[in-house]
Amino acid sequence: MTDTATSPTTTDLSTVVINLMRGPVYRDSHERTWNCLLGLRPQVADYVKIMNLEVFVDEAEGYAFLRSRPTDDLEESELPRLVARHRLSYHVSLLLALLRKRLAEFDASSSDPRLVVTRDQIIDMLRVYLPDSTNEARIVDTVDTNINRVVDLGFLRRMQGQENVYEVRRIIKAFVDGQWLADLDRRLDEYLEELARVDRIEGDG
């Protein structure tokens, strides 16, 4: 359900900040909060600055979130972090990168604003980067664990009424930047070479 769109007032400031503290705000699912944020953006920025945070807004893609402010000041750098850093496993990081790459390819070939993928498609994306295994159930379990983690992080959203179907959230573009994506093919080639080397060693052992 979306919020009812109204003109923002200063009394909406706390509501906007509270929603941002809870997680990303999306234009398509938080319509009223999104409109208030756009109207009160300078006030929101000043409000969260005292907590060593900044608000990132991508109006074109329709999302906003809070992140820690970059700082070289020692005193400020020692402040407690309100936005936690997530330690990601290799395969979760890999899935994020592959989804980001799929989104870039999708945008280049389609005018549809939403990229939807199935679990089977995600399994196919990841399979080549997983160690060889005859245990299909183990592969599926591994992929499901990674998918659930990415859902929890907010980069995938389960489609209502459709089992094992997901929307790739465009906020992923803010976390997997263009430079990293440009290096992705090289990184993946290096990983596949290492995976092949390990397989050869194990095969000779």
N, C-alpha and C. Protein backbone atom coordinates (compact mmCIF):
# COMPACT_ATOMS: atom_id res chain seq x y z
N MET A 1 0.85 -1.18 0.00
CA MET A 1 0.00 0.00 0.00
C MET A 1 0.89 1.23 0.00
N THR A 2 0.59 2.24 -0.79
CA THR A 2 1.37 3.46 -0.85
C THR A 2 0.75 4.53 0.03
N ASP A 3 1.58 5.53 0.43
CA ASP A 3 1.09 6.64 1.21
C ASP A 3 0.26 7.55 0.32
N THR A 4 -0.63 8.30 0.93
CA THR A 4 -1.43 9.26 0.19
C THR A 4 -0.60 10.51 -0.06
N ALA A 5 -0.49 10.92 -1.32
CA ALA A 5 0.35 12.06 -1.67
C ALA A 5 -0.28 13.36 -1.22
N THR A 6 0.48 14.18 -0.46
CA THR A 6 0.07 15.52 -0.07
C THR A 6 1.28 16.41 -0.13
N SER A 7 1.04 17.75 -0.08
CA SER A 7 2.15 18.68 -0.08
C SER A 7 2.87 18.59 1.25
N PRO A 8 4.21 18.55 1.25
CA PRO A 8 4.95 18.41 2.49
C PRO A 8 4.92 19.68 3.32
N THR A 9 4.93 19.55 4.62
CA THR A 9 5.02 20.66 5.55
C THR A 9 6.14 20.34 6.52
N THR A 10 6.53 21.35 7.32
CA THR A 10 7.62 21.12 8.26
C THR A 10 7.26 20.09 9.32
N THR A 11 5.97 19.89 9.56
CA THR A 11 5.58 18.89 10.55
C THR A 11 5.87 17.47 10.06
N ASP A 12 6.18 17.31 8.76
CA ASP A 12 6.49 15.98 8.22
C ASP A 12 7.97 15.61 8.39
N LEU A 13 8.79 16.54 8.89
CA LEU A 13 10.23 16.29 8.95
C LEU A 13 10.56 15.05 9.77
N SER A 14 9.97 14.95 10.96
CA SER A 14 10.27 13.81 11.81
C SER A 14 9.85 12.50 11.17
N THR A 15 8.69 12.51 10.50
CA THR A 15 8.21 11.30 9.83
C THR A 15 9.17 10.85 8.75
N VAL A 16 9.68 11.80 7.96
CA VAL A 16 10.62 11.47 6.89
C VAL A 16 11.89 10.87 7.48
N VAL A 17 12.44 11.51 8.51
CA VAL A 17 13.69 11.02 9.10
C VAL A 17 13.50 9.66 9.72
N ILE A 18 12.39 9.45 10.41
CA ILE A 18 12.13 8.15 11.04
C ILE A 18 12.06 7.05 9.98
N ASN A 19 11.38 7.33 8.86
CA ASN A 19 11.29 6.33 7.80
C ASN A 19 12.65 6.05 7.19
N LEU A 20 13.47 7.07 7.03
CA LEU A 20 14.81 6.86 6.50
C LEU A 20 15.68 6.06 7.48
N MET A 21 15.48 6.28 8.77
CA MET A 21 16.23 5.52 9.76
C MET A 21 15.85 4.04 9.74
N ARG A 22 14.64 3.76 9.33
CA ARG A 22 14.18 2.37 9.26
C ARG A 22 14.72 1.65 8.03
N GLY A 23 15.06 2.41 6.98
CA GLY A 23 15.56 1.77 5.76
C GLY A 23 15.31 2.68 4.57
N PRO A 24 15.65 2.20 3.37
CA PRO A 24 15.46 3.02 2.17
C PRO A 24 14.01 3.44 1.97
N VAL A 25 13.82 4.61 1.41
CA VAL A 25 12.50 5.11 1.03
C VAL A 25 12.40 5.06 -0.48
N TYR A 26 11.31 4.46 -0.98
CA TYR A 26 11.13 4.29 -2.42
C TYR A 26 9.94 5.12 -2.90
N ARG A 27 10.09 5.70 -4.06
CA ARG A 27 9.02 6.51 -4.64
C ARG A 27 7.76 5.68 -4.89
N ASP A 28 7.93 4.43 -5.32
CA ASP A 28 6.77 3.63 -5.71
C ASP A 28 6.02 3.03 -4.54
N SER A 29 6.65 2.92 -3.38
CA SER A 29 5.96 2.29 -2.25
C SER A 29 5.83 3.20 -1.02
N HIS A 30 6.45 4.38 -1.05
CA HIS A 30 6.33 5.34 0.04
C HIS A 30 6.01 6.72 -0.56
N GLU A 31 4.92 6.81 -1.28
CA GLU A 31 4.66 7.99 -2.11
C GLU A 31 4.63 9.28 -1.29
N ARG A 32 3.89 9.29 -0.19
CA ARG A 32 3.77 10.53 0.59
C ARG A 32 5.10 10.89 1.23
N THR A 33 5.78 9.91 1.81
CA THR A 33 7.08 10.17 2.44
C THR A 33 8.08 10.66 1.40
N TRP A 34 8.04 10.06 0.21
CA TRP A 34 8.95 10.46 -0.87
C TRP A 34 8.71 11.92 -1.25
N ASN A 35 7.45 12.31 -1.42
CA ASN A 35 7.14 13.69 -1.78
C ASN A 35 7.56 14.66 -0.68
N CYS A 36 7.35 14.25 0.57
CA CYS A 36 7.77 15.10 1.69
C CYS A 36 9.29 15.25 1.71
N LEU A 37 9.99 14.16 1.44
CA LEU A 37 11.45 14.21 1.42
C LEU A 37 11.94 15.20 0.38
N LEU A 38 11.36 15.17 -0.81
CA LEU A 38 11.79 16.08 -1.87
C LEU A 38 11.52 17.53 -1.47
N GLY A 39 10.43 17.77 -0.77
CA GLY A 39 10.10 19.13 -0.36
C GLY A 39 10.91 19.62 0.83
N LEU A 40 11.38 18.68 1.64
CA LEU A 40 12.11 19.04 2.86
C LEU A 40 13.56 18.58 2.83
N ARG A 41 14.09 18.38 1.66
CA ARG A 41 15.43 17.79 1.55
C ARG A 41 16.51 18.57 2.30
N PRO A 42 16.57 19.91 2.19
CA PRO A 42 17.60 20.63 2.96
C PRO A 42 17.44 20.45 4.46
N GLN A 43 16.20 20.48 4.95
CA GLN A 43 15.96 20.31 6.38
C GLN A 43 16.34 18.90 6.84
N VAL A 44 16.03 17.89 6.01
CA VAL A 44 16.40 16.51 6.35
C VAL A 44 17.91 16.38 6.42
N ALA A 45 18.61 16.99 5.44
CA ALA A 45 20.07 16.93 5.43
C ALA A 45 20.66 17.55 6.69
N ASP A 46 20.12 18.70 7.11
CA ASP A 46 20.62 19.35 8.32
C ASP A 46 20.30 18.51 9.56
N TYR A 47 19.14 17.89 9.57
CA TYR A 47 18.71 17.10 10.73
C TYR A 47 19.62 15.89 10.94
N VAL A 48 19.92 15.16 9.88
CA VAL A 48 20.70 13.93 10.04
C VAL A 48 22.19 14.21 10.14
N LYS A 49 22.60 15.42 9.76
CA LYS A 49 24.03 15.76 9.81
C LYS A 49 24.56 15.71 11.23
N ILE A 50 23.74 16.07 12.21
CA ILE A 50 24.20 16.06 13.59
C ILE A 50 24.43 14.64 14.08
N MET A 51 23.89 13.64 13.36
CA MET A 51 24.13 12.23 13.69
C MET A 51 25.22 11.64 12.82
N ASN A 52 25.97 12.52 12.15
CA ASN A 52 27.07 12.11 11.27
C ASN A 52 26.57 11.28 10.08
N LEU A 53 25.38 11.63 9.59
CA LEU A 53 24.79 10.93 8.46
C LEU A 53 24.51 11.93 7.34
N GLU A 54 24.35 11.41 6.14
CA GLU A 54 23.90 12.21 5.01
C GLU A 54 22.82 11.44 4.27
N VAL A 55 21.94 12.18 3.62
CA VAL A 55 20.85 11.53 2.87
C VAL A 55 21.24 11.50 1.40
N PHE A 56 21.15 10.32 0.83
CA PHE A 56 21.42 10.13 -0.59
C PHE A 56 20.08 9.95 -1.29
N VAL A 57 19.82 10.80 -2.29
CA VAL A 57 18.54 10.76 -3.03
C VAL A 57 18.84 10.60 -4.51
N ASP A 58 18.25 9.60 -5.12
CA ASP A 58 18.33 9.44 -6.57
C ASP A 58 16.92 9.63 -7.11
N GLU A 59 16.64 10.85 -7.57
CA GLU A 59 15.29 11.15 -8.04
C GLU A 59 14.95 10.39 -9.32
N ALA A 60 15.94 10.17 -10.17
CA ALA A 60 15.68 9.49 -11.44
C ALA A 60 15.24 8.05 -11.20
N GLU A 61 15.91 7.38 -10.27
CA GLU A 61 15.61 5.97 -10.00
C GLU A 61 14.54 5.80 -8.93
N GLY A 62 14.32 6.83 -8.12
CA GLY A 62 13.23 6.79 -7.16
C GLY A 62 13.54 6.11 -5.85
N TYR A 63 14.70 6.39 -5.26
CA TYR A 63 15.01 5.84 -3.94
C TYR A 63 15.88 6.82 -3.16
N ALA A 64 15.86 6.67 -1.84
CA ALA A 64 16.69 7.48 -0.96
C ALA A 64 17.07 6.66 0.25
N PHE A 65 18.24 6.95 0.82
CA PHE A 65 18.67 6.23 2.02
C PHE A 65 19.68 7.08 2.77
N LEU A 66 19.94 6.70 4.01
CA LEU A 66 20.93 7.37 4.83
C LEU A 66 22.24 6.59 4.80
N ARG A 67 23.35 7.33 4.83
CA ARG A 67 24.66 6.70 4.91
C ARG A 67 25.56 7.56 5.78
N SER A 68 26.60 6.93 6.31
CA SER A 68 27.54 7.67 7.13
C SER A 68 28.28 8.70 6.30
N ARG A 69 28.52 9.86 6.88
CA ARG A 69 29.23 10.91 6.16
C ARG A 69 30.71 10.59 6.09
N PRO A 70 31.32 10.75 4.92
CA PRO A 70 32.77 10.58 4.83
C PRO A 70 33.45 11.71 5.58
N THR A 71 34.48 11.40 6.34
CA THR A 71 35.17 12.44 7.10
C THR A 71 36.62 12.06 7.32
N ASP A 72 37.46 13.08 7.32
CA ASP A 72 38.87 12.90 7.66
C ASP A 72 39.16 13.41 9.06
N ASP A 73 38.13 13.91 9.71
CA ASP A 73 38.32 14.45 11.05
C ASP A 73 38.36 13.32 12.07
N LEU A 74 39.43 13.26 12.86
CA LEU A 74 39.62 12.15 13.81
C LEU A 74 38.50 12.09 14.83
N GLU A 75 38.11 13.28 15.33
CA GLU A 75 37.07 13.32 16.35
C GLU A 75 35.76 12.79 15.80
N GLU A 76 35.40 13.24 14.58
CA GLU A 76 34.15 12.77 13.98
C GLU A 76 34.24 11.30 13.62
N SER A 77 35.41 10.83 13.19
CA SER A 77 35.54 9.44 12.77
C SER A 77 35.39 8.48 13.94
N GLU A 78 35.52 8.98 15.17
CA GLU A 78 35.38 8.13 16.35
C GLU A 78 33.96 8.08 16.88
N LEU A 79 33.06 8.81 16.22
CA LEU A 79 31.65 8.76 16.63
C LEU A 79 31.07 7.37 16.35
N PRO A 80 30.13 6.91 17.20
CA PRO A 80 29.48 5.62 16.93
C PRO A 80 28.75 5.67 15.60
N ARG A 81 28.72 4.54 14.88
CA ARG A 81 28.05 4.47 13.59
C ARG A 81 26.59 4.09 13.78
N LEU A 82 25.69 4.92 13.25
CA LEU A 82 24.27 4.58 13.28
C LEU A 82 23.89 3.67 12.13
N VAL A 83 24.62 3.76 11.01
CA VAL A 83 24.38 2.89 9.86
C VAL A 83 25.47 1.83 9.86
N ALA A 84 25.06 0.60 10.13
CA ALA A 84 26.03 -0.48 10.29
C ALA A 84 26.64 -0.90 8.96
N ARG A 85 27.90 -1.29 9.00
CA ARG A 85 28.53 -1.88 7.83
C ARG A 85 28.24 -3.38 7.85
N HIS A 86 27.88 -3.91 6.69
CA HIS A 86 27.55 -5.33 6.59
C HIS A 86 28.75 -6.10 6.04
N ARG A 87 29.14 -7.15 6.75
CA ARG A 87 30.17 -8.04 6.24
C ARG A 87 29.49 -9.06 5.33
N LEU A 88 29.88 -9.06 4.06
CA LEU A 88 29.23 -9.92 3.09
C LEU A 88 30.15 -11.06 2.70
N SER A 89 29.58 -12.24 2.56
CA SER A 89 30.35 -13.37 2.07
C SER A 89 30.70 -13.15 0.61
N TYR A 90 31.67 -13.94 0.13
CA TYR A 90 32.07 -13.79 -1.28
C TYR A 90 30.87 -14.01 -2.21
N HIS A 91 30.09 -15.05 -1.95
CA HIS A 91 29.01 -15.39 -2.88
C HIS A 91 27.86 -14.37 -2.83
N VAL A 92 27.63 -13.75 -1.67
CA VAL A 92 26.64 -12.69 -1.62
C VAL A 92 27.13 -11.49 -2.41
N SER A 93 28.41 -11.14 -2.24
CA SER A 93 29.00 -10.04 -3.02
C SER A 93 28.94 -10.35 -4.52
N LEU A 94 29.22 -11.60 -4.87
CA LEU A 94 29.16 -12.01 -6.26
C LEU A 94 27.74 -11.88 -6.81
N LEU A 95 26.76 -12.32 -6.04
CA LEU A 95 25.37 -12.22 -6.49
C LEU A 95 24.98 -10.76 -6.70
N LEU A 96 25.38 -9.89 -5.79
CA LEU A 96 25.09 -8.46 -5.95
C LEU A 96 25.70 -7.92 -7.24
N ALA A 97 26.94 -8.31 -7.51
CA ALA A 97 27.62 -7.84 -8.72
C ALA A 97 26.94 -8.35 -9.97
N LEU A 98 26.54 -9.62 -9.97
CA LEU A 98 25.89 -10.20 -11.14
C LEU A 98 24.51 -9.57 -11.37
N LEU A 99 23.80 -9.30 -10.29
CA LEU A 99 22.50 -8.64 -10.43
C LEU A 99 22.67 -7.21 -10.95
N ARG A 100 23.72 -6.55 -10.48
CA ARG A 100 23.99 -5.18 -10.96
C ARG A 100 24.34 -5.21 -12.45
N LYS A 101 25.11 -6.20 -12.86
CA LYS A 101 25.46 -6.33 -14.26
C LYS A 101 24.22 -6.64 -15.09
N ARG A 102 23.37 -7.52 -14.60
CA ARG A 102 22.13 -7.85 -15.31
C ARG A 102 21.24 -6.61 -15.45
N LEU A 103 21.21 -5.78 -14.41
CA LEU A 103 20.40 -4.56 -14.46
C LEU A 103 20.95 -3.59 -15.51
N ALA A 104 22.27 -3.47 -15.60
CA ALA A 104 22.87 -2.60 -16.61
C ALA A 104 22.53 -3.09 -18.02
N GLU A 105 22.61 -4.39 -18.23
CA GLU A 105 22.27 -4.97 -19.54
C GLU A 105 20.79 -4.78 -19.85
N PHE A 106 19.96 -4.94 -18.83
CA PHE A 106 18.51 -4.78 -18.99
C PHE A 106 18.18 -3.35 -19.38
N ASP A 107 18.79 -2.38 -18.70
CA ASP A 107 18.52 -0.97 -18.99
C ASP A 107 18.95 -0.59 -20.41
N ALA A 108 20.00 -1.25 -20.89
CA ALA A 108 20.51 -0.94 -22.22
C ALA A 108 19.61 -1.48 -23.33
N SER A 109 18.76 -2.46 -22.99
CA SER A 109 17.97 -3.11 -24.03
C SER A 109 16.46 -3.00 -23.81
N SER A 110 16.04 -2.39 -22.70
CA SER A 110 14.61 -2.35 -22.40
C SER A 110 14.24 -1.00 -21.79
N SER A 111 13.02 -0.56 -22.03
CA SER A 111 12.52 0.67 -21.42
C SER A 111 11.68 0.38 -20.18
N ASP A 112 11.53 -0.89 -19.85
CA ASP A 112 10.77 -1.28 -18.66
C ASP A 112 11.54 -0.84 -17.42
N PRO A 113 10.89 -0.19 -16.46
CA PRO A 113 11.61 0.28 -15.28
C PRO A 113 11.95 -0.82 -14.28
N ARG A 114 11.33 -2.00 -14.42
CA ARG A 114 11.54 -3.04 -13.41
C ARG A 114 12.18 -4.28 -14.03
N LEU A 115 13.26 -4.72 -13.40
CA LEU A 115 13.89 -5.98 -13.79
C LEU A 115 13.41 -7.06 -12.83
N VAL A 116 12.81 -8.10 -13.39
CA VAL A 116 12.28 -9.21 -12.60
C VAL A 116 13.05 -10.47 -12.98
N VAL A 117 13.50 -11.21 -11.96
CA VAL A 117 14.24 -12.45 -12.18
C VAL A 117 13.64 -13.56 -11.34
N THR A 118 13.83 -14.79 -11.81
CA THR A 118 13.35 -15.95 -11.07
C THR A 118 14.50 -16.60 -10.33
N ARG A 119 14.16 -17.48 -9.39
CA ARG A 119 15.20 -18.21 -8.67
C ARG A 119 16.01 -19.05 -9.64
N ASP A 120 15.36 -19.69 -10.61
CA ASP A 120 16.10 -20.51 -11.58
C ASP A 120 17.10 -19.68 -12.36
N GLN A 121 16.72 -18.45 -12.71
CA GLN A 121 17.65 -17.58 -13.43
C GLN A 121 18.84 -17.22 -12.56
N ILE A 122 18.59 -16.97 -11.29
CA ILE A 122 19.68 -16.63 -10.37
C ILE A 122 20.61 -17.83 -10.19
N ILE A 123 20.03 -19.03 -10.10
CA ILE A 123 20.85 -20.24 -9.99
C ILE A 123 21.75 -20.38 -11.21
N ASP A 124 21.19 -20.14 -12.38
CA ASP A 124 22.00 -20.23 -13.61
C ASP A 124 23.11 -19.18 -13.63
N MET A 125 22.82 -17.99 -13.10
CA MET A 125 23.82 -16.93 -13.04
C MET A 125 24.99 -17.32 -12.15
N LEU A 126 24.69 -17.98 -11.05
CA LEU A 126 25.71 -18.29 -10.06
C LEU A 126 26.41 -19.62 -10.29
N ARG A 127 25.74 -20.54 -10.98
CA ARG A 127 26.22 -21.91 -11.07
C ARG A 127 27.67 -21.98 -11.58
N VAL A 128 27.98 -21.19 -12.60
CA VAL A 128 29.31 -21.26 -13.21
C VAL A 128 30.39 -20.82 -12.23
N TYR A 129 30.03 -20.07 -11.19
CA TYR A 129 31.01 -19.57 -10.24
C TYR A 129 31.03 -20.38 -8.94
N LEU A 130 30.28 -21.48 -8.91
CA LEU A 130 30.28 -22.36 -7.75
C LEU A 130 31.15 -23.57 -8.04
N PRO A 131 31.81 -24.11 -7.03
CA PRO A 131 32.62 -25.32 -7.25
C PRO A 131 31.78 -26.44 -7.84
N ASP A 132 32.38 -27.26 -8.70
CA ASP A 132 31.67 -28.37 -9.31
C ASP A 132 31.09 -29.27 -8.22
N SER A 133 29.85 -29.66 -8.41
CA SER A 133 29.19 -30.53 -7.45
C SER A 133 28.10 -31.32 -8.15
N THR A 134 27.98 -32.58 -7.77
CA THR A 134 26.92 -33.41 -8.31
C THR A 134 25.67 -33.33 -7.43
N ASN A 135 25.81 -32.61 -6.32
CA ASN A 135 24.71 -32.48 -5.37
C ASN A 135 23.90 -31.22 -5.72
N GLU A 136 22.88 -31.41 -6.56
CA GLU A 136 22.07 -30.28 -7.01
C GLU A 136 21.35 -29.63 -5.84
N ALA A 137 20.90 -30.43 -4.88
CA ALA A 137 20.19 -29.87 -3.73
C ALA A 137 21.09 -28.94 -2.92
N ARG A 138 22.36 -29.27 -2.83
CA ARG A 138 23.29 -28.42 -2.09
C ARG A 138 23.50 -27.09 -2.81
N ILE A 139 23.58 -27.14 -4.14
CA ILE A 139 23.73 -25.91 -4.92
C ILE A 139 22.52 -25.00 -4.71
N VAL A 140 21.34 -25.59 -4.80
CA VAL A 140 20.10 -24.82 -4.64
C VAL A 140 20.04 -24.22 -3.24
N ASP A 141 20.40 -24.99 -2.21
CA ASP A 141 20.38 -24.48 -0.85
C ASP A 141 21.34 -23.31 -0.68
N THR A 142 22.52 -23.43 -1.30
CA THR A 142 23.50 -22.35 -1.23
C THR A 142 22.97 -21.09 -1.88
N VAL A 143 22.38 -21.24 -3.05
CA VAL A 143 21.82 -20.08 -3.75
C VAL A 143 20.67 -19.47 -2.97
N ASP A 144 19.79 -20.31 -2.42
CA ASP A 144 18.66 -19.81 -1.64
C ASP A 144 19.14 -19.00 -0.43
N THR A 145 20.20 -19.47 0.22
CA THR A 145 20.75 -18.74 1.36
C THR A 145 21.24 -17.37 0.92
N ASN A 146 21.92 -17.32 -0.22
CA ASN A 146 22.42 -16.04 -0.73
C ASN A 146 21.29 -15.12 -1.15
N ILE A 147 20.25 -15.68 -1.78
CA ILE A 147 19.10 -14.88 -2.18
C ILE A 147 18.43 -14.26 -0.95
N ASN A 148 18.23 -15.07 0.08
CA ASN A 148 17.58 -14.57 1.29
C ASN A 148 18.38 -13.44 1.92
N ARG A 149 19.70 -13.55 1.87
CA ARG A 149 20.54 -12.49 2.43
C ARG A 149 20.40 -11.21 1.62
N VAL A 150 20.34 -11.32 0.30
CA VAL A 150 20.21 -10.14 -0.55
C VAL A 150 18.82 -9.52 -0.39
N VAL A 151 17.80 -10.35 -0.18
CA VAL A 151 16.46 -9.83 0.13
C VAL A 151 16.50 -9.04 1.43
N ASP A 152 17.15 -9.61 2.45
CA ASP A 152 17.24 -8.94 3.75
C ASP A 152 17.97 -7.59 3.64
N LEU A 153 18.94 -7.52 2.75
CA LEU A 153 19.69 -6.28 2.55
C LEU A 153 18.90 -5.24 1.75
N GLY A 154 17.81 -5.68 1.11
CA GLY A 154 16.95 -4.76 0.39
C GLY A 154 17.25 -4.59 -1.08
N PHE A 155 18.10 -5.46 -1.65
CA PHE A 155 18.45 -5.34 -3.06
C PHE A 155 17.57 -6.21 -3.96
N LEU A 156 16.88 -7.15 -3.38
CA LEU A 156 15.86 -7.94 -4.07
C LEU A 156 14.56 -7.83 -3.29
N ARG A 157 13.44 -7.84 -4.02
CA ARG A 157 12.14 -7.83 -3.37
C ARG A 157 11.29 -8.95 -3.94
N ARG A 158 10.73 -9.75 -3.05
CA ARG A 158 9.87 -10.84 -3.49
C ARG A 158 8.60 -10.27 -4.11
N MET A 159 8.22 -10.83 -5.25
CA MET A 159 7.00 -10.39 -5.92
C MET A 159 5.80 -11.05 -5.26
N GLN A 160 4.82 -10.26 -4.87
CA GLN A 160 3.65 -10.79 -4.20
C GLN A 160 2.87 -11.73 -5.12
N GLY A 161 2.50 -12.87 -4.57
CA GLY A 161 1.69 -13.83 -5.31
C GLY A 161 2.45 -14.63 -6.34
N GLN A 162 3.78 -14.46 -6.40
CA GLN A 162 4.60 -15.20 -7.36
C GLN A 162 5.77 -15.85 -6.62
N GLU A 163 5.72 -17.15 -6.50
CA GLU A 163 6.74 -17.86 -5.74
C GLU A 163 8.07 -17.86 -6.50
N ASN A 164 9.14 -17.55 -5.76
CA ASN A 164 10.50 -17.58 -6.31
C ASN A 164 10.70 -16.62 -7.48
N VAL A 165 10.00 -15.47 -7.41
CA VAL A 165 10.16 -14.41 -8.41
C VAL A 165 10.51 -13.13 -7.65
N TYR A 166 11.52 -12.41 -8.17
CA TYR A 166 12.06 -11.26 -7.45
C TYR A 166 12.23 -10.05 -8.36
N GLU A 167 12.04 -8.87 -7.78
CA GLU A 167 12.38 -7.63 -8.47
C GLU A 167 13.75 -7.17 -7.99
N VAL A 168 14.62 -6.81 -8.94
CA VAL A 168 15.92 -6.26 -8.58
C VAL A 168 15.71 -4.78 -8.27
N ARG A 169 15.98 -4.39 -7.03
CA ARG A 169 15.76 -3.02 -6.61
C ARG A 169 16.87 -2.12 -7.14
N ARG A 170 16.51 -0.98 -7.66
CA ARG A 170 17.47 -0.11 -8.33
C ARG A 170 18.46 0.54 -7.36
N ILE A 171 18.20 0.44 -6.10
CA ILE A 171 19.13 0.97 -5.11
C ILE A 171 20.47 0.24 -5.17
N ILE A 172 20.48 -0.94 -5.79
CA ILE A 172 21.73 -1.68 -5.95
C ILE A 172 22.77 -0.86 -6.72
N LYS A 173 22.30 0.07 -7.57
CA LYS A 173 23.21 0.89 -8.36
C LYS A 173 24.06 1.81 -7.49
N ALA A 174 23.54 2.15 -6.32
CA ALA A 174 24.28 3.05 -5.42
C ALA A 174 25.36 2.31 -4.65
N PHE A 175 25.27 0.98 -4.60
CA PHE A 175 26.22 0.21 -3.79
C PHE A 175 27.23 -0.56 -4.64
N VAL A 176 26.87 -0.85 -5.86
CA VAL A 176 27.83 -1.45 -6.81
C VAL A 176 28.05 -0.40 -7.88
N ASP A 177 29.12 0.39 -7.73
CA ASP A 177 29.29 1.55 -8.60
C ASP A 177 29.83 1.16 -9.98
N GLY A 178 29.85 2.16 -10.85
CA GLY A 178 30.24 1.92 -12.23
C GLY A 178 31.65 1.42 -12.40
N GLN A 179 32.58 1.94 -11.57
CA GLN A 179 33.97 1.51 -11.68
C GLN A 179 34.12 0.05 -11.31
N TRP A 180 33.44 -0.35 -10.24
CA TRP A 180 33.51 -1.75 -9.82
C TRP A 180 32.90 -2.64 -10.91
N LEU A 181 31.80 -2.17 -11.48
CA LEU A 181 31.14 -2.94 -12.52
C LEU A 181 32.04 -3.06 -13.75
N ALA A 182 32.79 -2.01 -14.05
CA ALA A 182 33.69 -2.04 -15.20
C ALA A 182 34.78 -3.08 -15.01
N ASP A 183 35.16 -3.33 -13.77
CA ASP A 183 36.20 -4.31 -13.46
C ASP A 183 35.65 -5.72 -13.26
N LEU A 184 34.32 -5.84 -13.33
CA LEU A 184 33.70 -7.11 -12.96
C LEU A 184 34.16 -8.27 -13.84
N ASP A 185 34.18 -8.08 -15.16
CA ASP A 185 34.55 -9.18 -16.05
C ASP A 185 35.96 -9.67 -15.73
N ARG A 186 36.87 -8.74 -15.47
CA ARG A 186 38.24 -9.13 -15.14
C ARG A 186 38.27 -9.90 -13.82
N ARG A 187 37.54 -9.43 -12.84
CA ARG A 187 37.50 -10.10 -11.55
C ARG A 187 36.92 -11.51 -11.69
N LEU A 188 35.86 -11.64 -12.47
CA LEU A 188 35.23 -12.94 -12.62
C LEU A 188 36.14 -13.90 -13.39
N ASP A 189 36.84 -13.40 -14.41
CA ASP A 189 37.79 -14.24 -15.14
C ASP A 189 38.89 -14.74 -14.21
N GLU A 190 39.38 -13.87 -13.34
CA GLU A 190 40.41 -14.27 -12.39
C GLU A 190 39.87 -15.33 -11.43
N TYR A 191 38.62 -15.17 -11.01
CA TYR A 191 38.04 -16.15 -10.10
C TYR A 191 37.87 -17.50 -10.80
N LEU A 192 37.39 -17.49 -12.04
CA LEU A 192 37.22 -18.75 -12.77
C LEU A 192 38.56 -19.45 -12.97
N GLU A 193 39.62 -18.69 -13.23
CA GLU A 193 40.95 -19.29 -13.38
C GLU A 193 41.39 -19.93 -12.08
N GLU A 194 41.14 -19.25 -10.97
CA GLU A 194 41.50 -19.81 -9.66
C GLU A 194 40.67 -21.05 -9.36
N LEU A 195 39.39 -21.01 -9.70
CA LEU A 195 38.51 -22.16 -9.46
C LEU A 195 38.99 -23.36 -10.27
N ALA A 196 39.38 -23.13 -11.53
CA ALA A 196 39.89 -24.21 -12.38
C ALA A 196 41.20 -24.76 -11.82
N ARG A 197 42.05 -23.88 -11.29
CA ARG A 197 43.33 -24.32 -10.72
C ARG A 197 43.10 -25.22 -9.51
N VAL A 198 42.16 -24.82 -8.66
CA VAL A 198 41.85 -25.63 -7.48
C VAL A 198 41.27 -26.97 -7.88
N ASP A 199 40.42 -26.98 -8.90
CA ASP A 199 39.85 -28.25 -9.37
C ASP A 199 40.94 -29.17 -9.90
N ARG A 200 41.93 -28.61 -10.62
CA ARG A 200 43.02 -29.43 -11.14
C ARG A 200 43.85 -30.02 -10.01
N ILE A 201 44.11 -29.20 -8.99
CA ILE A 201 44.89 -29.69 -7.85
C ILE A 201 44.15 -30.80 -7.14
N GLU A 202 42.86 -30.61 -6.94
CA GLU A 202 42.07 -31.63 -6.25
C GLU A 202 41.97 -32.88 -7.12
N GLY A 203 41.89 -32.69 -8.44
CA GLY A 203 41.82 -33.85 -9.33
C GLY A 203 43.10 -34.65 -9.34
N ASP A 204 44.25 -33.96 -9.15
CA ASP A 204 45.53 -34.66 -9.14
C ASP A 204 45.83 -35.28 -7.79
N GLY A 205 45.10 -34.81 -6.77
CA GLY A 205 45.42 -35.27 -5.43
C GLY A 205 44.91 -36.67 -5.14
